[in-house]
Protein backbone atom coordinates (compact mmCIF):
# COMPACT_ATOMS: atom_id res chain seq x y z
CA MET A 1 99.61 148.62 -43.18
CA PRO A 2 97.23 146.51 -45.32
CA THR A 3 98.44 145.42 -48.74
CA TYR A 4 95.06 146.29 -50.30
CA SER A 5 93.09 149.50 -50.63
CA ILE A 6 89.53 150.12 -49.49
CA PRO A 7 87.40 151.75 -52.20
CA VAL A 8 85.31 154.74 -51.20
CA GLN A 9 82.26 152.99 -52.64
CA LEU A 10 82.04 149.50 -54.08
CA ASP A 11 80.20 149.03 -57.35
CA TYR A 12 77.82 146.38 -56.01
CA LYS A 13 74.55 147.23 -57.74
CA PRO A 14 73.04 145.12 -60.56
CA ARG A 15 74.46 145.87 -64.01
CA PHE A 16 72.38 145.43 -67.18
CA PRO A 17 73.62 145.12 -70.77
CA ALA A 18 73.63 148.45 -72.59
CA ASP A 19 71.96 147.21 -75.77
CA TYR A 20 70.27 143.90 -74.97
CA ARG A 21 66.69 143.82 -73.75
CA PRO A 22 65.27 140.41 -74.70
CA GLY A 23 61.66 139.44 -74.25
CA ILE A 24 60.99 137.75 -70.90
CA GLY A 25 58.19 135.30 -70.15
CA ILE A 26 57.30 134.45 -66.55
CA ILE A 27 55.87 131.06 -65.56
CA GLY A 28 54.10 131.33 -62.23
CA CYS A 29 52.56 134.52 -60.90
CA GLY A 30 52.41 134.13 -57.13
CA ASN A 31 53.03 136.73 -54.45
CA ILE A 32 56.82 136.73 -54.83
CA VAL A 33 56.55 137.43 -58.57
CA LYS A 34 54.26 140.39 -57.96
CA SER A 35 56.17 141.80 -55.00
CA ALA A 36 59.73 141.23 -56.25
CA HIS A 37 60.24 139.88 -59.80
CA LEU A 38 57.85 142.19 -61.64
CA LYS A 39 58.63 145.14 -59.37
CA ALA A 40 62.35 144.84 -60.09
CA TYR A 41 61.86 144.29 -63.83
CA LYS A 42 59.62 147.33 -64.17
CA GLN A 43 62.06 149.46 -62.17
CA HIS A 44 64.86 148.61 -64.61
CA GLY A 45 62.79 148.82 -67.80
CA LEU A 46 62.98 145.15 -68.75
CA ASN A 47 60.83 143.75 -71.53
CA VAL A 48 58.29 141.41 -69.90
CA VAL A 49 56.35 140.01 -72.85
CA GLY A 50 53.92 138.05 -70.71
CA VAL A 51 53.08 135.80 -67.77
CA TYR A 52 51.34 132.48 -67.33
CA ASP A 53 49.96 130.79 -64.23
CA ILE A 54 48.05 127.54 -63.96
CA VAL A 55 45.61 129.49 -61.76
CA PRO A 56 44.25 132.29 -64.00
CA GLU A 57 43.22 134.45 -61.03
CA ALA A 58 46.88 134.78 -60.05
CA THR A 59 47.60 136.98 -63.07
CA ARG A 60 44.78 139.42 -62.39
CA GLY A 61 45.94 143.05 -62.45
CA VAL A 62 49.56 142.48 -63.51
CA GLN A 63 49.08 144.10 -66.92
CA GLU A 64 47.72 147.27 -65.37
CA GLU A 65 50.25 147.45 -62.52
CA PHE A 66 53.45 146.32 -64.25
CA GLY A 67 52.86 146.95 -67.95
CA VAL A 68 53.02 143.27 -68.89
CA GLN A 69 52.08 142.88 -72.54
CA HIS A 70 50.26 139.52 -72.50
CA ILE A 71 48.50 137.14 -70.15
CA PHE A 72 49.08 133.73 -71.68
CA HIS A 73 46.39 131.06 -71.41
CA SER A 74 48.75 128.11 -71.66
CA LEU A 75 52.38 127.21 -71.13
CA GLU A 76 52.65 126.22 -74.78
CA GLU A 77 51.45 129.66 -75.87
CA LEU A 78 54.14 131.37 -73.78
CA LEU A 79 56.96 129.09 -74.94
CA ALA A 80 55.95 129.49 -78.59
CA HIS A 81 55.98 133.29 -78.53
CA PRO A 82 58.76 134.45 -80.89
CA ASP A 83 59.70 137.53 -78.82
CA ILE A 84 60.47 135.55 -75.65
CA GLU A 85 64.14 134.61 -75.32
CA VAL A 86 64.32 134.23 -71.53
CA VAL A 87 61.90 132.31 -69.31
CA ASP A 88 61.66 133.11 -65.60
CA ILE A 89 60.36 129.96 -63.88
CA ALA A 90 58.88 130.93 -60.52
CA THR A 91 57.00 127.80 -59.50
CA HIS A 92 57.36 125.35 -56.61
CA PRO A 93 60.27 122.85 -56.70
CA ASP A 94 58.26 119.78 -57.70
CA GLN A 95 57.12 121.53 -60.90
CA ARG A 96 60.42 123.23 -61.77
CA VAL A 97 62.51 120.58 -63.53
CA PRO A 98 59.83 119.45 -66.03
CA LEU A 99 59.22 123.11 -66.90
CA MET A 100 62.95 123.66 -67.45
CA HIS A 101 63.07 120.72 -69.85
CA GLN A 102 60.16 122.19 -71.83
CA ALA A 103 61.79 125.63 -71.92
CA ILE A 104 65.08 124.16 -73.15
CA GLU A 105 63.27 122.24 -75.89
CA ALA A 106 61.66 125.52 -76.90
CA GLY A 107 65.14 127.12 -77.17
CA LYS A 108 64.82 129.50 -74.22
CA HIS A 109 67.38 130.70 -71.69
CA ILE A 110 66.17 130.20 -68.11
CA LEU A 111 66.15 131.94 -64.75
CA ALA A 112 64.93 129.24 -62.34
CA GLN A 113 63.68 129.81 -58.81
CA LYS A 114 65.53 128.18 -55.93
CA PRO A 115 66.05 125.47 -54.75
CA LEU A 116 66.88 124.36 -58.26
CA ALA A 117 65.53 120.79 -57.96
CA LEU A 118 64.49 118.03 -55.57
CA THR A 119 67.63 115.99 -56.34
CA VAL A 120 71.15 116.74 -57.53
CA ARG A 121 70.83 114.13 -60.27
CA GLU A 122 67.85 115.78 -61.98
CA ALA A 123 69.44 119.21 -61.56
CA ARG A 124 72.65 118.01 -63.21
CA GLU A 125 70.69 116.43 -66.08
CA VAL A 126 68.91 119.66 -66.92
CA VAL A 127 72.18 121.62 -66.67
CA GLU A 128 73.89 119.28 -69.12
CA LYS A 129 70.92 119.39 -71.50
CA ALA A 130 70.99 123.18 -71.61
CA GLU A 131 74.76 123.27 -72.12
CA GLN A 132 74.51 120.83 -75.02
CA ARG A 133 72.02 123.17 -76.72
CA GLY A 134 74.01 126.33 -76.05
CA LEU A 135 71.42 127.70 -73.59
CA LYS A 136 72.06 129.30 -70.23
CA ILE A 137 70.34 128.49 -66.93
CA ALA A 138 70.76 130.85 -64.00
CA VAL A 139 69.33 130.25 -60.54
CA ASN A 140 67.35 132.94 -58.73
CA GLN A 141 69.67 132.96 -55.70
CA ASN A 142 68.72 136.60 -55.26
CA GLY A 143 70.45 136.79 -51.88
CA ARG A 144 73.77 136.99 -53.74
CA TRP A 145 72.73 140.55 -54.68
CA ALA A 146 71.39 141.60 -51.26
CA PRO A 147 73.53 144.74 -50.74
CA PRO A 148 75.36 143.64 -47.53
CA TRP A 149 76.06 140.15 -48.91
CA ARG A 150 77.12 141.49 -52.32
CA ILE A 151 79.59 143.90 -50.72
CA ALA A 152 80.92 141.09 -48.51
CA THR A 153 81.39 138.88 -51.59
CA LEU A 154 83.33 141.59 -53.43
CA LEU A 155 85.54 142.26 -50.41
CA ILE A 156 86.38 138.56 -50.11
CA GLN A 157 87.17 138.36 -53.82
CA GLN A 158 89.49 141.36 -53.42
CA GLY A 159 91.34 139.63 -50.56
CA ALA A 160 90.26 142.20 -47.97
CA ILE A 161 90.23 139.67 -45.09
CA GLY A 162 92.71 137.18 -46.50
CA ASP A 163 91.68 133.52 -46.45
CA VAL A 164 88.20 132.84 -45.04
CA LEU A 165 88.40 130.82 -41.81
CA ALA A 166 84.83 130.78 -40.55
CA VAL A 167 81.34 131.91 -41.58
CA THR A 168 78.52 132.35 -39.05
CA HIS A 169 74.87 133.25 -39.67
CA LEU A 170 72.07 133.82 -37.15
CA TYR A 171 68.34 134.21 -37.75
CA ASP A 172 67.09 136.70 -35.17
CA THR A 173 63.54 136.30 -36.41
CA LYS A 174 60.31 134.35 -35.98
CA PHE A 175 58.56 132.09 -38.50
CA ASP A 176 55.06 133.03 -37.33
CA TRP A 177 54.02 133.79 -40.92
CA ILE A 178 54.34 130.16 -42.05
CA PRO A 179 51.22 128.42 -40.60
CA GLY A 180 48.45 128.25 -43.18
CA THR A 181 50.79 128.73 -46.15
CA ARG A 182 52.09 126.14 -48.59
CA PHE A 183 55.50 126.44 -46.95
CA ASP A 184 54.09 124.74 -43.87
CA GLU A 185 53.64 121.61 -45.97
CA LEU A 186 57.35 121.41 -46.86
CA ARG A 187 59.47 118.88 -45.00
CA HIS A 188 62.55 120.65 -43.63
CA PHE A 189 61.21 124.04 -44.81
CA ALA A 190 63.68 126.04 -42.67
CA ILE A 191 66.62 124.12 -44.16
CA TYR A 192 65.57 123.28 -47.71
CA ASP A 193 63.58 126.32 -48.79
CA TYR A 194 64.61 129.16 -46.46
CA SER A 195 68.24 128.41 -45.62
CA VAL A 196 69.23 127.61 -49.20
CA HIS A 197 70.00 131.33 -49.57
CA TRP A 198 72.36 131.24 -46.58
CA ILE A 199 73.91 127.96 -47.70
CA ASP A 200 74.40 129.40 -51.19
CA ILE A 201 76.07 132.64 -50.05
CA THR A 202 78.33 130.66 -47.73
CA ARG A 203 79.26 128.48 -50.70
CA CYS A 204 80.24 131.70 -52.54
CA TRP A 205 82.34 133.00 -49.63
CA THR A 206 84.19 129.68 -49.32
CA GLU A 207 84.79 129.31 -53.07
CA GLY A 208 87.38 126.65 -53.88
CA LYS A 209 87.28 124.93 -50.50
CA THR A 210 86.38 121.23 -50.21
CA VAL A 211 83.37 120.26 -48.08
CA THR A 212 84.05 117.16 -45.97
CA ALA A 213 80.80 116.84 -44.01
CA VAL A 214 77.44 118.51 -43.39
CA ARG A 215 75.46 118.24 -40.15
CA ALA A 216 71.99 119.65 -39.45
CA ARG A 217 68.93 119.43 -37.24
CA ASP A 218 65.51 120.99 -37.30
CA TYR A 219 63.07 120.98 -34.38
CA ARG A 220 59.87 122.50 -33.06
CA THR A 221 60.44 125.59 -30.94
CA PRO A 222 58.69 125.92 -27.54
CA ASN A 223 56.52 128.80 -28.75
CA GLN A 224 55.57 127.21 -32.07
CA PRO A 225 51.76 126.79 -32.33
CA ALA A 226 50.44 123.25 -32.35
CA ALA A 227 48.87 123.85 -35.76
CA GLY A 228 52.27 124.71 -37.25
CA LYS A 229 53.53 121.66 -39.12
CA THR A 230 57.09 122.36 -40.26
CA PRO A 231 59.79 122.97 -37.59
CA TRP A 232 60.81 126.57 -36.95
CA GLY A 233 64.18 125.93 -35.29
CA MET A 234 67.23 124.61 -37.13
CA TRP A 235 70.99 124.64 -37.49
CA VAL A 236 73.36 123.63 -40.29
CA GLU A 237 77.09 123.08 -39.89
CA VAL A 238 79.49 122.70 -42.83
CA ALA A 239 83.03 121.39 -42.33
CA TYR A 240 85.85 121.87 -44.85
CA ALA A 241 89.04 119.93 -45.54
CA ASP A 242 91.32 122.81 -44.50
CA GLY A 243 89.57 123.33 -41.15
CA THR A 244 87.30 126.15 -42.26
CA SER A 245 83.83 125.94 -40.74
CA ALA A 246 80.40 127.45 -41.38
CA MET A 247 77.39 127.58 -39.05
CA ILE A 248 73.83 128.69 -39.79
CA ARG A 249 71.71 129.00 -36.65
CA GLY A 250 68.01 129.54 -37.24
CA ILE A 251 66.29 130.70 -34.05
CA GLY A 252 62.88 130.86 -35.67
CA CYS A 253 61.18 131.84 -32.42
CA ALA A 254 62.68 135.26 -31.59
CA GLU A 255 60.44 137.69 -29.71
CA THR A 256 62.01 140.97 -30.83
CA TYR A 257 61.07 144.07 -32.77
CA ARG A 258 64.61 144.31 -34.17
CA ARG A 259 64.48 141.28 -36.41
CA GLY A 260 67.43 140.60 -38.66
CA HIS A 261 69.88 138.04 -39.97
CA PRO A 262 73.36 138.99 -38.75
CA PHE A 263 76.46 137.35 -40.19
CA TRP A 264 80.17 137.22 -39.49
CA ILE A 265 82.99 136.24 -41.88
CA HIS A 266 86.31 135.74 -40.12
CA GLY A 267 89.49 135.65 -42.19
CA THR A 268 93.23 135.53 -41.68
CA GLU A 269 93.51 139.32 -42.16
CA GLY A 270 90.25 140.67 -40.78
CA THR A 271 86.51 140.31 -40.24
CA ILE A 272 83.40 141.27 -42.19
CA ARG A 273 80.18 141.59 -40.23
CA GLY A 274 76.72 142.71 -41.20
CA SER A 275 73.03 141.85 -41.38
CA VAL A 276 70.33 141.33 -44.02
CA LEU A 277 66.51 141.34 -43.96
CA GLY A 278 65.98 143.71 -41.09
CA GLU A 279 68.61 146.10 -39.80
CA GLU A 280 70.87 145.93 -42.84
CA PHE A 281 74.54 146.95 -42.64
CA VAL A 282 77.99 145.68 -43.55
CA GLU A 283 81.40 146.64 -42.19
CA LEU A 284 85.00 145.59 -42.61
CA GLU A 285 87.50 145.46 -39.76
CA THR A 286 91.24 144.78 -39.95
CA LYS A 287 94.02 145.38 -37.41
CA ASP A 288 94.54 148.88 -38.84
CA MET A 289 91.07 150.18 -39.64
CA ALA A 290 87.30 149.75 -39.59
CA CYS A 291 84.94 150.78 -42.36
CA ARG A 292 81.14 150.67 -42.56
CA TYR A 293 79.75 150.82 -46.10
CA ARG A 294 76.85 153.00 -47.07
CA LEU A 295 74.01 150.94 -48.50
CA GLU A 296 71.46 151.80 -51.16
CA GLY A 297 68.64 149.41 -51.95
CA GLN A 298 67.50 146.21 -50.26
CA TRP A 299 67.40 142.46 -50.91
CA PHE A 300 63.74 142.80 -52.00
CA PRO A 301 63.44 143.71 -54.85
CA ASP A 302 67.05 144.60 -55.79
CA GLY A 303 68.31 141.03 -55.38
CA PHE A 304 65.82 139.92 -58.02
CA ALA A 305 67.13 142.57 -60.39
CA GLY A 306 70.61 141.17 -59.72
CA THR A 307 69.86 137.59 -60.72
CA MET A 308 68.17 138.58 -63.98
CA SER A 309 70.77 141.24 -64.80
CA GLU A 310 73.61 138.73 -64.42
CA LEU A 311 71.85 136.25 -66.72
CA LEU A 312 71.23 138.92 -69.38
CA CYS A 313 74.84 140.14 -69.19
CA ALA A 314 76.10 136.55 -69.51
CA ILE A 315 73.95 135.96 -72.60
CA ALA A 316 75.07 139.24 -74.20
CA GLU A 317 78.74 138.62 -73.32
CA ARG A 318 78.64 134.91 -74.19
CA ARG A 319 79.93 133.70 -70.83
CA GLU A 320 78.75 131.70 -67.84
CA PRO A 321 76.57 133.67 -65.41
CA TYR A 322 77.89 133.92 -61.84
CA ASN A 323 74.60 132.43 -60.64
CA SER A 324 74.65 129.64 -63.23
CA ALA A 325 72.87 126.40 -62.49
CA ARG A 326 76.18 124.56 -62.69
CA HIS A 327 77.70 126.87 -60.05
CA ASN A 328 74.60 126.31 -57.95
CA LEU A 329 74.87 122.50 -57.95
CA LEU A 330 77.17 122.57 -54.91
CA SER A 331 74.71 124.79 -53.02
CA LEU A 332 71.92 122.32 -53.78
CA GLN A 333 74.12 119.39 -52.79
CA ILE A 334 74.98 120.94 -49.42
CA THR A 335 71.30 121.78 -48.84
CA LEU A 336 70.16 118.22 -49.56
CA ALA A 337 72.97 116.82 -47.40
CA ALA A 338 71.70 119.03 -44.56
CA CYS A 339 68.17 117.66 -45.00
CA LEU A 340 69.51 114.10 -44.93
CA SER A 341 71.49 114.87 -41.78
CA ALA A 342 68.35 116.27 -40.15
CA ASP A 343 66.60 112.99 -40.97
CA ARG A 344 69.45 111.30 -39.08
CA ASN A 345 69.17 113.65 -36.08
CA GLY A 346 72.33 115.59 -36.86
CA ALA A 347 74.65 112.79 -37.97
CA PRO A 348 77.36 113.96 -40.43
CA VAL A 349 76.64 113.45 -44.13
CA ALA A 350 79.24 113.42 -46.92
CA LEU A 351 78.30 115.11 -50.18
CA GLU A 352 78.80 111.84 -52.03
CA GLU A 353 75.65 110.54 -50.33
CA VAL A 354 73.44 113.01 -52.21
CA LEU A 355 74.78 112.65 -55.76
């Protein structure tokens, strides 16, 4: 019989502090902010003092729809507002680090969109600057709170499958929504911007293990339109010192109505399998039993509630958030190593090459 017990229902949902509702200011008001950030914050009664976007039209209607108190006309106006303690930075990567430096200088805690930075060096610098000033930076790796992934993380932490031996992800989806968007302009979009969630959750599931090499490729799929710039197909392989392995396989060209992102986590005592963003489920199997967990909520918008809730709890409890920028440095490092490997047509890259 197993040496652990399976709970009837895991407590996997976002948890907010009972008596701490600081003012939140949002920098950037694109589609993801309107469809996920603001939706999640309103659902949980968070105090969004105001938003700012360099394009004024982007903020149109958010006061009426989400109850935002102010539309700020400048970044300086937002950062100077006395009620704002936490800044949610939801801009593109090339703008993110300078904005984090300004927010730190203004004495604000930060939730920063992913990927955290363009280089590990500049990410580490901003982390150290915040730590020196007693401020917290969390990264919006909202996939950590996607219900199937969150349950899988808790099961691994409880020892439900023993030591993790292998992690496998598959994208059974199609990137036909990319052409004509800003994402199509990103080099290695499928690795750097999209797969950073999958790289990050794999980093969580293999906590404490030493990465020895990262290999990756991205490539145009046969059914990718000529006008599409960034490659749709990709794979990333991560090797660990103890023989553990991880593989992320991005089809990117799937012709199916049942789109999803299945995953498998194989351990010494059992297997966790599931899927996110599509047909969502998660189940645990050992030699003695199998259990499928009942899910409530979805990655969008509940994952965005999770990242902010963990930051607020960490501030209130005076501890490091689970999604802290420092914890995320390894995820960024693996992601950038994968991009470098893709530049080298799949040659292995050591993490030391992307310091």
